[in-house]
Amino acid sequence: MKVLDSLQAEVKKIIKNDPAHDFEHIMRVYKNAQKICKKEKANEKLVLSAALLHDIISYPKSDKRSKMSSIESAKKSQSMLKKYDFSDEEIQIISDAIRDHSFSQKKIPDTMEGKILQDADRLDALGAIGIARVFATSGSLKRPFYNIDDPFCKKRNPDDNIWAVDHFFKKLLTLESLMNTKSGKLEAKKRTGILKKFLKQLKDEI
């Protein structure tokens, strides 16, 4: 679709996020969304537009505004979409999907378009790429890999503001149960298996 090509080119020019939320992340979420759209009944144009714009504003995890990223991305998406051939209703569906997709917002989107975007984004937090993103983010924040006394949170609550591996227990291993779509759940199960294998191997090594 021509509009998606134009949006993609615009996003690529202006996005300057950290490696975990960069243009490559956006395109992986886009591809995840495409795959889910083929199996679920949703408007592909709206879902993929939302995927392209979902992290148009992404504050670093260390920034106090971090939890506002999806809300501000939703607002900015509205002004960007007005340049294209979208109805007011379509712009609202896209911006609502962006606003509600974030894990930190703790929301289940109302529309199928929103549910698919949320699933597509969460899939990129799992599997091999999910592991890479954890350590990219933790490295930039100078966090140690793990708590040497209890690396796998057996006797304590995970604190991913301090240790990288805690993020698996605080968030990543919970995502499979939070997926909205059948196809999202199937892929999440597969990718969660990769996380569990990694943690098992890590346990053997330390």
N, C-alpha and C. Protein backbone atom coordinates (compact mmCIF):
# COMPACT_ATOMS: atom_id res chain seq x y z
N MET A 1 0.84 -1.19 0.00
CA MET A 1 0.00 0.00 0.00
C MET A 1 0.87 1.25 0.00
N LYS A 2 0.54 2.17 -0.86
CA LYS A 2 1.35 3.38 -1.01
C LYS A 2 1.44 4.18 0.28
N VAL A 3 0.33 4.27 1.00
CA VAL A 3 0.33 5.06 2.23
C VAL A 3 1.28 4.47 3.27
N LEU A 4 1.37 3.15 3.32
CA LEU A 4 2.28 2.50 4.27
C LEU A 4 3.73 2.75 3.89
N ASP A 5 4.02 2.74 2.58
CA ASP A 5 5.38 3.04 2.11
C ASP A 5 5.77 4.47 2.50
N SER A 6 4.84 5.40 2.33
CA SER A 6 5.11 6.81 2.67
C SER A 6 5.31 6.99 4.17
N LEU A 7 4.45 6.34 4.96
CA LEU A 7 4.58 6.42 6.42
C LEU A 7 5.91 5.83 6.88
N GLN A 8 6.26 4.69 6.30
CA GLN A 8 7.51 4.02 6.68
C GLN A 8 8.71 4.93 6.40
N ALA A 9 8.72 5.57 5.25
CA ALA A 9 9.82 6.47 4.88
C ALA A 9 9.90 7.65 5.86
N GLU A 10 8.73 8.17 6.24
CA GLU A 10 8.70 9.31 7.17
C GLU A 10 9.21 8.91 8.55
N VAL A 11 8.78 7.75 9.02
CA VAL A 11 9.21 7.27 10.34
C VAL A 11 10.72 7.02 10.35
N LYS A 12 11.22 6.42 9.29
CA LYS A 12 12.66 6.11 9.22
C LYS A 12 13.51 7.37 9.33
N LYS A 13 13.02 8.46 8.77
CA LYS A 13 13.77 9.72 8.79
C LYS A 13 13.83 10.35 10.18
N ILE A 14 12.76 10.21 10.94
CA ILE A 14 12.68 10.99 12.19
C ILE A 14 12.98 10.19 13.46
N ILE A 15 12.95 8.86 13.39
CA ILE A 15 13.10 8.09 14.63
C ILE A 15 14.57 8.02 15.05
N LYS A 16 14.80 8.30 16.32
CA LYS A 16 16.17 8.26 16.86
C LYS A 16 16.12 7.63 18.25
N ASN A 17 15.59 6.43 18.33
CA ASN A 17 15.43 5.75 19.61
C ASN A 17 16.62 4.87 19.94
N ASP A 18 16.64 4.35 21.17
CA ASP A 18 17.68 3.42 21.60
C ASP A 18 17.56 2.11 20.83
N PRO A 19 18.60 1.24 20.85
CA PRO A 19 18.59 0.01 20.05
C PRO A 19 17.39 -0.91 20.29
N ALA A 20 16.80 -0.87 21.48
CA ALA A 20 15.65 -1.74 21.77
C ALA A 20 14.35 -1.21 21.18
N HIS A 21 14.36 0.06 20.75
CA HIS A 21 13.13 0.67 20.20
C HIS A 21 13.43 1.44 18.91
N ASP A 22 14.43 0.99 18.17
CA ASP A 22 14.85 1.70 16.97
C ASP A 22 14.00 1.32 15.75
N PHE A 23 14.40 1.76 14.57
CA PHE A 23 13.62 1.49 13.36
C PHE A 23 13.53 -0.01 13.06
N GLU A 24 14.60 -0.73 13.39
CA GLU A 24 14.57 -2.19 13.16
C GLU A 24 13.52 -2.85 14.06
N HIS A 25 13.39 -2.37 15.29
CA HIS A 25 12.32 -2.87 16.18
C HIS A 25 10.96 -2.61 15.54
N ILE A 26 10.77 -1.41 15.05
CA ILE A 26 9.49 -1.06 14.42
C ILE A 26 9.17 -1.99 13.26
N MET A 27 10.17 -2.30 12.44
CA MET A 27 9.92 -3.17 11.29
C MET A 27 9.70 -4.63 11.70
N ARG A 28 10.31 -5.05 12.79
CA ARG A 28 10.02 -6.41 13.29
C ARG A 28 8.58 -6.49 13.80
N VAL A 29 8.14 -5.45 14.53
CA VAL A 29 6.75 -5.40 15.00
C VAL A 29 5.80 -5.37 13.80
N TYR A 30 6.17 -4.63 12.78
CA TYR A 30 5.38 -4.54 11.54
C TYR A 30 5.20 -5.93 10.92
N LYS A 31 6.30 -6.68 10.83
CA LYS A 31 6.24 -8.03 10.24
C LYS A 31 5.42 -8.98 11.13
N ASN A 32 5.60 -8.87 12.43
CA ASN A 32 4.79 -9.68 13.36
C ASN A 32 3.30 -9.38 13.15
N ALA A 33 2.98 -8.10 13.02
CA ALA A 33 1.59 -7.68 12.84
C ALA A 33 1.02 -8.20 11.52
N GLN A 34 1.84 -8.18 10.49
CA GLN A 34 1.40 -8.71 9.18
C GLN A 34 1.00 -10.19 9.30
N LYS A 35 1.84 -10.94 9.99
CA LYS A 35 1.58 -12.38 10.15
C LYS A 35 0.30 -12.63 10.94
N ILE A 36 0.11 -11.86 12.02
CA ILE A 36 -1.10 -12.04 12.84
C ILE A 36 -2.34 -11.62 12.06
N CYS A 37 -2.23 -10.54 11.29
CA CYS A 37 -3.37 -10.04 10.49
C CYS A 37 -3.89 -11.08 9.52
N LYS A 38 -3.00 -11.90 9.00
CA LYS A 38 -3.40 -12.92 8.02
C LYS A 38 -4.32 -13.96 8.65
N LYS A 39 -4.21 -14.12 9.97
CA LYS A 39 -5.00 -15.16 10.65
C LYS A 39 -6.18 -14.60 11.45
N GLU A 40 -6.12 -13.31 11.76
CA GLU A 40 -7.18 -12.69 12.54
C GLU A 40 -7.95 -11.70 11.66
N LYS A 41 -9.18 -11.45 11.97
CA LYS A 41 -9.97 -10.51 11.17
C LYS A 41 -9.73 -9.09 11.66
N ALA A 42 -8.95 -8.36 10.90
CA ALA A 42 -8.63 -6.98 11.27
C ALA A 42 -8.30 -6.20 10.01
N ASN A 43 -8.34 -4.89 10.13
CA ASN A 43 -8.02 -4.00 9.02
C ASN A 43 -6.50 -3.84 8.95
N GLU A 44 -5.90 -4.48 7.95
CA GLU A 44 -4.43 -4.51 7.85
C GLU A 44 -3.84 -3.11 7.71
N LYS A 45 -4.48 -2.26 6.95
CA LYS A 45 -3.98 -0.89 6.77
C LYS A 45 -3.87 -0.16 8.11
N LEU A 46 -4.87 -0.31 8.96
CA LEU A 46 -4.87 0.36 10.26
C LEU A 46 -3.86 -0.27 11.21
N VAL A 47 -3.80 -1.59 11.23
CA VAL A 47 -2.86 -2.29 12.11
C VAL A 47 -1.42 -1.93 11.76
N LEU A 48 -1.11 -1.96 10.47
CA LEU A 48 0.28 -1.73 10.04
C LEU A 48 0.67 -0.26 10.18
N SER A 49 -0.28 0.63 10.01
CA SER A 49 -0.01 2.06 10.27
C SER A 49 0.32 2.26 11.75
N ALA A 50 -0.45 1.59 12.61
CA ALA A 50 -0.19 1.67 14.05
C ALA A 50 1.18 1.09 14.40
N ALA A 51 1.54 -0.01 13.75
CA ALA A 51 2.85 -0.62 14.00
C ALA A 51 3.98 0.34 13.64
N LEU A 52 3.83 1.03 12.52
CA LEU A 52 4.88 1.97 12.09
C LEU A 52 5.03 3.15 13.05
N LEU A 53 3.94 3.55 13.68
CA LEU A 53 3.95 4.76 14.50
C LEU A 53 3.98 4.50 16.01
N HIS A 54 4.00 3.22 16.42
CA HIS A 54 3.76 2.93 17.84
C HIS A 54 4.87 3.43 18.76
N ASP A 55 6.09 3.58 18.25
CA ASP A 55 7.19 4.09 19.08
C ASP A 55 7.78 5.36 18.49
N ILE A 56 6.93 6.18 17.87
CA ILE A 56 7.42 7.40 17.23
C ILE A 56 8.04 8.33 18.28
N ILE A 57 7.55 8.22 19.52
CA ILE A 57 8.20 8.85 20.68
C ILE A 57 8.49 7.76 21.69
N SER A 58 9.76 7.62 22.05
CA SER A 58 10.14 6.58 23.01
C SER A 58 11.22 7.12 23.93
N TYR A 59 10.80 7.48 25.14
CA TYR A 59 11.77 7.99 26.11
C TYR A 59 12.59 6.84 26.69
N PRO A 60 13.86 7.06 26.99
CA PRO A 60 14.68 6.00 27.59
C PRO A 60 14.07 5.50 28.91
N LYS A 61 14.37 4.26 29.25
CA LYS A 61 13.84 3.67 30.48
C LYS A 61 14.25 4.47 31.72
N SER A 62 15.38 5.16 31.63
CA SER A 62 15.87 5.94 32.77
C SER A 62 15.15 7.29 32.90
N ASP A 63 14.37 7.65 31.90
CA ASP A 63 13.67 8.94 31.88
C ASP A 63 12.34 8.83 32.64
N LYS A 64 12.05 9.82 33.46
CA LYS A 64 10.80 9.80 34.23
C LYS A 64 9.56 9.80 33.33
N ARG A 65 9.73 10.25 32.08
CA ARG A 65 8.61 10.29 31.14
C ARG A 65 8.39 8.97 30.41
N SER A 66 9.18 7.96 30.72
CA SER A 66 9.15 6.70 29.98
C SER A 66 7.74 6.12 29.82
N LYS A 67 6.95 6.15 30.91
CA LYS A 67 5.60 5.58 30.87
C LYS A 67 4.63 6.39 30.01
N MET A 68 5.06 7.59 29.61
CA MET A 68 4.23 8.44 28.76
C MET A 68 4.50 8.24 27.27
N SER A 69 5.47 7.40 26.94
CA SER A 69 5.88 7.24 25.54
C SER A 69 4.71 6.87 24.63
N SER A 70 3.91 5.88 25.02
CA SER A 70 2.81 5.43 24.14
C SER A 70 1.73 6.50 24.02
N ILE A 71 1.49 7.23 25.10
CA ILE A 71 0.47 8.29 25.07
C ILE A 71 0.90 9.42 24.14
N GLU A 72 2.17 9.80 24.23
CA GLU A 72 2.66 10.87 23.37
C GLU A 72 2.81 10.40 21.92
N SER A 73 3.17 9.14 21.73
CA SER A 73 3.21 8.59 20.37
C SER A 73 1.83 8.61 19.73
N ALA A 74 0.81 8.29 20.52
CA ALA A 74 -0.57 8.31 20.01
C ALA A 74 -0.97 9.71 19.57
N LYS A 75 -0.62 10.72 20.38
CA LYS A 75 -0.95 12.10 20.02
C LYS A 75 -0.23 12.53 18.76
N LYS A 76 1.06 12.21 18.67
CA LYS A 76 1.84 12.60 17.49
C LYS A 76 1.34 11.89 16.25
N SER A 77 0.90 10.63 16.41
CA SER A 77 0.41 9.86 15.25
C SER A 77 -0.80 10.54 14.63
N GLN A 78 -1.64 11.14 15.46
CA GLN A 78 -2.85 11.80 14.94
C GLN A 78 -2.49 12.93 13.99
N SER A 79 -1.52 13.75 14.39
CA SER A 79 -1.13 14.87 13.52
C SER A 79 -0.43 14.38 12.26
N MET A 80 0.35 13.30 12.37
CA MET A 80 1.03 12.75 11.19
C MET A 80 0.05 12.15 10.20
N LEU A 81 -0.97 11.45 10.72
CA LEU A 81 -1.92 10.74 9.85
C LEU A 81 -2.85 11.68 9.10
N LYS A 82 -3.01 12.89 9.60
CA LYS A 82 -3.91 13.85 8.93
C LYS A 82 -3.40 14.25 7.55
N LYS A 83 -2.12 14.00 7.31
CA LYS A 83 -1.54 14.31 5.98
C LYS A 83 -1.91 13.25 4.94
N TYR A 84 -2.41 12.13 5.44
CA TYR A 84 -2.71 11.00 4.55
C TYR A 84 -4.23 10.80 4.44
N ASP A 85 -4.59 9.83 3.64
CA ASP A 85 -6.01 9.60 3.33
C ASP A 85 -6.66 8.68 4.37
N PHE A 86 -6.74 9.16 5.62
CA PHE A 86 -7.40 8.41 6.69
C PHE A 86 -8.61 9.21 7.17
N SER A 87 -9.68 8.51 7.47
CA SER A 87 -10.85 9.18 8.05
C SER A 87 -10.56 9.48 9.52
N ASP A 88 -11.37 10.35 10.11
CA ASP A 88 -11.22 10.65 11.54
C ASP A 88 -11.38 9.39 12.38
N GLU A 89 -12.31 8.53 11.98
CA GLU A 89 -12.54 7.28 12.71
C GLU A 89 -11.32 6.37 12.65
N GLU A 90 -10.72 6.28 11.46
CA GLU A 90 -9.53 5.44 11.30
C GLU A 90 -8.36 5.98 12.12
N ILE A 91 -8.18 7.29 12.12
CA ILE A 91 -7.11 7.90 12.92
C ILE A 91 -7.31 7.61 14.40
N GLN A 92 -8.56 7.63 14.84
CA GLN A 92 -8.85 7.33 16.25
C GLN A 92 -8.52 5.88 16.59
N ILE A 93 -8.87 4.97 15.70
CA ILE A 93 -8.56 3.54 15.94
C ILE A 93 -7.06 3.33 16.04
N ILE A 94 -6.31 3.96 15.13
CA ILE A 94 -4.86 3.82 15.13
C ILE A 94 -4.24 4.42 16.39
N SER A 95 -4.66 5.63 16.73
CA SER A 95 -4.06 6.29 17.90
C SER A 95 -4.44 5.59 19.20
N ASP A 96 -5.65 5.07 19.29
CA ASP A 96 -6.06 4.30 20.48
C ASP A 96 -5.21 3.03 20.63
N ALA A 97 -4.96 2.37 19.50
CA ALA A 97 -4.13 1.16 19.51
C ALA A 97 -2.72 1.48 20.01
N ILE A 98 -2.17 2.59 19.55
CA ILE A 98 -0.83 3.01 19.98
C ILE A 98 -0.82 3.37 21.46
N ARG A 99 -1.82 4.11 21.89
CA ARG A 99 -1.90 4.54 23.29
C ARG A 99 -1.95 3.35 24.25
N ASP A 100 -2.70 2.31 23.87
CA ASP A 100 -2.97 1.20 24.78
C ASP A 100 -2.00 0.02 24.66
N HIS A 101 -1.07 0.05 23.68
CA HIS A 101 -0.26 -1.15 23.42
C HIS A 101 0.79 -1.40 24.50
N SER A 102 1.24 -0.36 25.16
CA SER A 102 2.40 -0.46 26.06
C SER A 102 2.12 -1.32 27.29
N PHE A 103 3.10 -2.12 27.67
CA PHE A 103 3.01 -2.97 28.86
C PHE A 103 2.79 -2.12 30.11
N SER A 104 3.44 -0.98 30.16
CA SER A 104 3.35 -0.13 31.35
C SER A 104 1.96 0.50 31.54
N GLN A 105 1.17 0.55 30.45
CA GLN A 105 -0.18 1.10 30.57
C GLN A 105 -1.17 0.11 31.21
N LYS A 106 -0.79 -1.18 31.21
CA LYS A 106 -1.61 -2.24 31.83
C LYS A 106 -3.05 -2.25 31.30
N LYS A 107 -3.16 -2.14 29.96
CA LYS A 107 -4.49 -2.12 29.34
C LYS A 107 -4.63 -3.24 28.31
N ILE A 108 -5.87 -3.73 28.17
CA ILE A 108 -6.20 -4.63 27.07
C ILE A 108 -6.94 -3.77 26.04
N PRO A 109 -6.40 -3.62 24.85
CA PRO A 109 -7.06 -2.76 23.85
C PRO A 109 -8.48 -3.22 23.53
N ASP A 110 -9.34 -2.26 23.18
CA ASP A 110 -10.74 -2.56 22.88
C ASP A 110 -10.92 -3.15 21.49
N THR A 111 -10.11 -2.72 20.54
CA THR A 111 -10.30 -3.15 19.15
C THR A 111 -9.37 -4.31 18.79
N MET A 112 -9.75 -5.05 17.75
CA MET A 112 -8.88 -6.11 17.26
C MET A 112 -7.56 -5.52 16.74
N GLU A 113 -7.63 -4.33 16.13
CA GLU A 113 -6.41 -3.68 15.64
C GLU A 113 -5.45 -3.41 16.80
N GLY A 114 -6.01 -2.93 17.92
CA GLY A 114 -5.18 -2.67 19.09
C GLY A 114 -4.62 -3.94 19.70
N LYS A 115 -5.43 -4.99 19.73
CA LYS A 115 -4.98 -6.27 20.28
C LYS A 115 -3.82 -6.84 19.45
N ILE A 116 -3.92 -6.71 18.14
CA ILE A 116 -2.87 -7.24 17.26
C ILE A 116 -1.58 -6.45 17.43
N LEU A 117 -1.69 -5.12 17.51
CA LEU A 117 -0.48 -4.31 17.72
C LEU A 117 0.19 -4.69 19.03
N GLN A 118 -0.59 -4.84 20.08
CA GLN A 118 -0.03 -5.20 21.38
C GLN A 118 0.69 -6.55 21.31
N ASP A 119 0.06 -7.53 20.68
CA ASP A 119 0.68 -8.85 20.53
C ASP A 119 1.97 -8.76 19.71
N ALA A 120 1.92 -8.02 18.61
CA ALA A 120 3.08 -7.92 17.72
C ALA A 120 4.26 -7.28 18.43
N ASP A 121 3.98 -6.27 19.25
CA ASP A 121 5.03 -5.59 20.00
C ASP A 121 5.59 -6.51 21.09
N ARG A 122 4.72 -7.23 21.76
CA ARG A 122 5.18 -8.12 22.84
C ARG A 122 5.99 -9.30 22.30
N LEU A 123 5.70 -9.74 21.11
CA LEU A 123 6.50 -10.83 20.53
C LEU A 123 7.96 -10.41 20.35
N ASP A 124 8.19 -9.12 20.11
CA ASP A 124 9.57 -8.65 19.92
C ASP A 124 10.33 -8.57 21.25
N ALA A 125 9.63 -8.76 22.36
CA ALA A 125 10.28 -8.81 23.67
C ALA A 125 10.65 -10.25 24.03
N LEU A 126 10.28 -11.21 23.18
CA LEU A 126 10.52 -12.63 23.45
C LEU A 126 11.52 -13.20 22.45
N GLY A 127 11.91 -14.46 22.67
CA GLY A 127 12.81 -15.13 21.74
C GLY A 127 14.21 -14.56 21.77
N ALA A 128 14.98 -14.86 20.74
CA ALA A 128 16.39 -14.43 20.67
C ALA A 128 16.50 -12.91 20.67
N ILE A 129 15.63 -12.25 19.91
CA ILE A 129 15.71 -10.79 19.84
C ILE A 129 15.33 -10.17 21.18
N GLY A 130 14.42 -10.79 21.89
CA GLY A 130 14.03 -10.30 23.21
C GLY A 130 15.21 -10.33 24.18
N ILE A 131 15.98 -11.42 24.13
CA ILE A 131 17.18 -11.53 24.97
C ILE A 131 18.17 -10.43 24.63
N ALA A 132 18.38 -10.21 23.33
CA ALA A 132 19.31 -9.16 22.89
C ALA A 132 18.87 -7.79 23.39
N ARG A 133 17.56 -7.53 23.33
CA ARG A 133 17.04 -6.23 23.75
C ARG A 133 17.20 -6.00 25.26
N VAL A 134 17.02 -7.07 26.05
CA VAL A 134 17.20 -6.95 27.50
C VAL A 134 18.61 -6.46 27.82
N PHE A 135 19.60 -7.10 27.19
CA PHE A 135 20.98 -6.78 27.54
C PHE A 135 21.47 -5.49 26.88
N ALA A 136 20.87 -5.12 25.76
CA ALA A 136 21.18 -3.82 25.15
C ALA A 136 20.71 -2.70 26.08
N THR A 137 19.48 -2.84 26.57
CA THR A 137 18.93 -1.82 27.47
C THR A 137 19.68 -1.78 28.80
N SER A 138 19.93 -2.95 29.38
CA SER A 138 20.63 -3.01 30.66
C SER A 138 22.06 -2.50 30.55
N GLY A 139 22.69 -2.78 29.42
CA GLY A 139 24.06 -2.29 29.20
C GLY A 139 24.10 -0.77 29.14
N SER A 140 23.13 -0.18 28.46
CA SER A 140 23.11 1.28 28.34
C SER A 140 22.85 1.94 29.69
N LEU A 141 22.18 1.21 30.60
CA LEU A 141 21.89 1.73 31.94
C LEU A 141 22.92 1.27 32.98
N LYS A 142 23.94 0.55 32.48
CA LYS A 142 25.04 0.06 33.33
C LYS A 142 24.55 -0.83 34.48
N ARG A 143 23.57 -1.66 34.18
CA ARG A 143 23.07 -2.60 35.19
C ARG A 143 23.87 -3.90 35.13
N PRO A 144 24.18 -4.52 36.27
CA PRO A 144 24.82 -5.84 36.24
C PRO A 144 23.87 -6.89 35.68
N PHE A 145 24.45 -7.99 35.18
CA PHE A 145 23.64 -9.05 34.57
C PHE A 145 22.66 -9.66 35.56
N TYR A 146 23.13 -9.99 36.78
CA TYR A 146 22.27 -10.72 37.70
C TYR A 146 22.70 -10.48 39.15
N ASN A 147 21.80 -10.78 40.05
CA ASN A 147 22.06 -10.74 41.49
C ASN A 147 22.86 -11.99 41.85
N ILE A 148 24.06 -11.81 42.36
CA ILE A 148 24.93 -12.98 42.57
C ILE A 148 24.40 -13.92 43.66
N ASP A 149 23.61 -13.40 44.60
CA ASP A 149 23.09 -14.25 45.69
C ASP A 149 21.85 -15.05 45.28
N ASP A 150 21.09 -14.50 44.35
CA ASP A 150 19.85 -15.15 43.91
C ASP A 150 19.56 -14.73 42.46
N PRO A 151 20.33 -15.27 41.51
CA PRO A 151 20.22 -14.82 40.12
C PRO A 151 18.83 -14.99 39.51
N PHE A 152 18.09 -16.03 39.95
CA PHE A 152 16.83 -16.38 39.29
C PHE A 152 15.60 -16.13 40.17
N CYS A 153 15.75 -15.20 41.10
CA CYS A 153 14.61 -14.70 41.90
C CYS A 153 13.86 -15.81 42.63
N LYS A 154 14.59 -16.75 43.21
CA LYS A 154 13.96 -17.85 43.92
C LYS A 154 13.40 -17.41 45.28
N LYS A 155 14.10 -16.47 45.92
CA LYS A 155 13.72 -16.08 47.29
C LYS A 155 13.46 -14.58 47.42
N ARG A 156 13.23 -13.91 46.30
CA ARG A 156 13.02 -12.46 46.36
C ARG A 156 12.16 -12.04 45.17
N ASN A 157 11.58 -10.86 45.27
CA ASN A 157 10.83 -10.31 44.15
C ASN A 157 11.79 -9.73 43.12
N PRO A 158 11.55 -9.95 41.84
CA PRO A 158 12.46 -9.43 40.82
C PRO A 158 12.46 -7.90 40.79
N ASP A 159 13.65 -7.34 40.59
CA ASP A 159 13.79 -5.89 40.48
C ASP A 159 14.61 -5.58 39.23
N ASP A 160 13.92 -5.35 38.12
CA ASP A 160 14.63 -5.12 36.86
C ASP A 160 15.16 -3.69 36.73
N ASN A 161 15.00 -2.88 37.76
CA ASN A 161 15.67 -1.58 37.78
C ASN A 161 17.13 -1.73 38.23
N ILE A 162 17.46 -2.91 38.73
CA ILE A 162 18.83 -3.15 39.22
C ILE A 162 19.55 -4.21 38.40
N TRP A 163 18.88 -5.36 38.13
CA TRP A 163 19.55 -6.48 37.45
C TRP A 163 18.85 -6.84 36.14
N ALA A 164 19.65 -7.14 35.13
CA ALA A 164 19.11 -7.46 33.80
C ALA A 164 18.25 -8.72 33.81
N VAL A 165 18.76 -9.79 34.39
CA VAL A 165 18.04 -11.07 34.35
C VAL A 165 16.69 -10.99 35.08
N ASP A 166 16.58 -10.10 36.04
CA ASP A 166 15.31 -9.94 36.75
C ASP A 166 14.17 -9.57 35.80
N HIS A 167 14.50 -8.93 34.67
CA HIS A 167 13.48 -8.52 33.71
C HIS A 167 12.74 -9.72 33.12
N PHE A 168 13.43 -10.87 33.03
CA PHE A 168 12.76 -12.08 32.55
C PHE A 168 11.62 -12.46 33.49
N PHE A 169 11.87 -12.34 34.78
CA PHE A 169 10.89 -12.77 35.79
C PHE A 169 9.85 -11.69 36.06
N LYS A 170 10.23 -10.44 35.94
CA LYS A 170 9.31 -9.32 36.18
C LYS A 170 8.31 -9.17 35.04
N LYS A 171 8.75 -9.41 33.81
CA LYS A 171 7.90 -9.13 32.66
C LYS A 171 7.86 -10.24 31.61
N LEU A 172 9.02 -10.61 31.07
CA LEU A 172 9.04 -11.41 29.83
C LEU A 172 8.35 -12.76 29.95
N LEU A 173 8.56 -13.44 31.06
CA LEU A 173 7.95 -14.76 31.21
C LEU A 173 6.44 -14.70 31.47
N THR A 174 5.93 -13.49 31.70
CA THR A 174 4.48 -13.34 31.91
C THR A 174 3.73 -13.05 30.60
N LEU A 175 4.45 -12.67 29.56
CA LEU A 175 3.80 -12.18 28.34
C LEU A 175 2.96 -13.24 27.63
N GLU A 176 3.44 -14.47 27.63
CA GLU A 176 2.70 -15.54 26.92
C GLU A 176 1.25 -15.61 27.39
N SER A 177 1.03 -15.46 28.69
CA SER A 177 -0.33 -15.57 29.24
C SER A 177 -1.17 -14.32 28.98
N LEU A 178 -0.53 -13.25 28.52
CA LEU A 178 -1.24 -11.99 28.31
C LEU A 178 -1.56 -11.70 26.84
N MET A 179 -1.20 -12.62 25.96
CA MET A 179 -1.44 -12.39 24.53
C MET A 179 -2.93 -12.41 24.23
N ASN A 180 -3.32 -11.61 23.25
CA ASN A 180 -4.74 -11.43 22.91
C ASN A 180 -5.27 -12.38 21.85
N THR A 181 -4.43 -12.72 20.88
CA THR A 181 -4.89 -13.49 19.72
C THR A 181 -4.35 -14.91 19.75
N LYS A 182 -5.06 -15.81 19.08
CA LYS A 182 -4.64 -17.21 19.05
C LYS A 182 -3.27 -17.37 18.39
N SER A 183 -3.08 -16.68 17.26
CA SER A 183 -1.79 -16.80 16.56
C SER A 183 -0.67 -16.14 17.36
N GLY A 184 -1.00 -15.06 18.08
CA GLY A 184 -0.01 -14.42 18.95
C GLY A 184 0.41 -15.34 20.07
N LYS A 185 -0.55 -16.03 20.66
CA LYS A 185 -0.26 -16.96 21.76
C LYS A 185 0.65 -18.10 21.31
N LEU A 186 0.38 -18.63 20.12
CA LEU A 186 1.20 -19.74 19.61
C LEU A 186 2.64 -19.32 19.41
N GLU A 187 2.85 -18.15 18.81
CA GLU A 187 4.21 -17.66 18.58
C GLU A 187 4.89 -17.30 19.90
N ALA A 188 4.11 -16.73 20.83
CA ALA A 188 4.68 -16.37 22.13
C ALA A 188 5.15 -17.61 22.89
N LYS A 189 4.39 -18.68 22.79
CA LYS A 189 4.78 -19.93 23.46
C LYS A 189 6.12 -20.42 22.94
N LYS A 190 6.28 -20.36 21.63
CA LYS A 190 7.53 -20.81 21.00
C LYS A 190 8.71 -19.93 21.46
N ARG A 191 8.48 -18.63 21.46
CA ARG A 191 9.57 -17.71 21.81
C ARG A 191 9.88 -17.74 23.30
N THR A 192 8.86 -17.99 24.12
CA THR A 192 9.10 -18.11 25.56
C THR A 192 9.96 -19.33 25.86
N GLY A 193 9.79 -20.37 25.06
CA GLY A 193 10.63 -21.56 25.19
C GLY A 193 12.10 -21.22 25.01
N ILE A 194 12.40 -20.29 24.12
CA ILE A 194 13.78 -19.86 23.88
C ILE A 194 14.33 -19.13 25.11
N LEU A 195 13.49 -18.31 25.74
CA LEU A 195 13.91 -17.63 26.97
C LEU A 195 14.24 -18.64 28.06
N LYS A 196 13.40 -19.65 28.20
CA LYS A 196 13.61 -20.66 29.25
C LYS A 196 14.88 -21.47 29.01
N LYS A 197 15.15 -21.77 27.74
CA LYS A 197 16.40 -22.48 27.40
C LYS A 197 17.61 -21.62 27.73
N PHE A 198 17.51 -20.33 27.45
CA PHE A 198 18.60 -19.41 27.75
C PHE A 198 18.87 -19.37 29.26
N LEU A 199 17.80 -19.26 30.04
CA LEU A 199 17.96 -19.20 31.50
C LEU A 199 18.55 -20.50 32.06
N LYS A 200 18.15 -21.62 31.48
CA LYS A 200 18.69 -22.91 31.91
C LYS A 200 20.19 -22.98 31.61
N GLN A 201 20.57 -22.52 30.41
CA GLN A 201 21.98 -22.51 30.04
C GLN A 201 22.77 -21.55 30.92
N LEU A 202 22.18 -20.40 31.21
CA LEU A 202 22.84 -19.43 32.08
C LEU A 202 23.09 -20.03 33.46
N LYS A 203 22.09 -20.75 33.95
CA LYS A 203 22.24 -21.39 35.26
C LYS A 203 23.42 -22.35 35.27
N ASP A 204 23.59 -23.10 34.17
CA ASP A 204 24.70 -24.04 34.06
C ASP A 204 26.05 -23.31 34.04
N GLU A 205 26.06 -22.13 33.50
CA GLU A 205 27.32 -21.41 33.31
C GLU A 205 27.77 -20.59 34.50
N ILE A 206 26.84 -20.22 35.37
CA ILE A 206 27.24 -19.38 36.51
C ILE A 206 27.18 -20.15 37.82
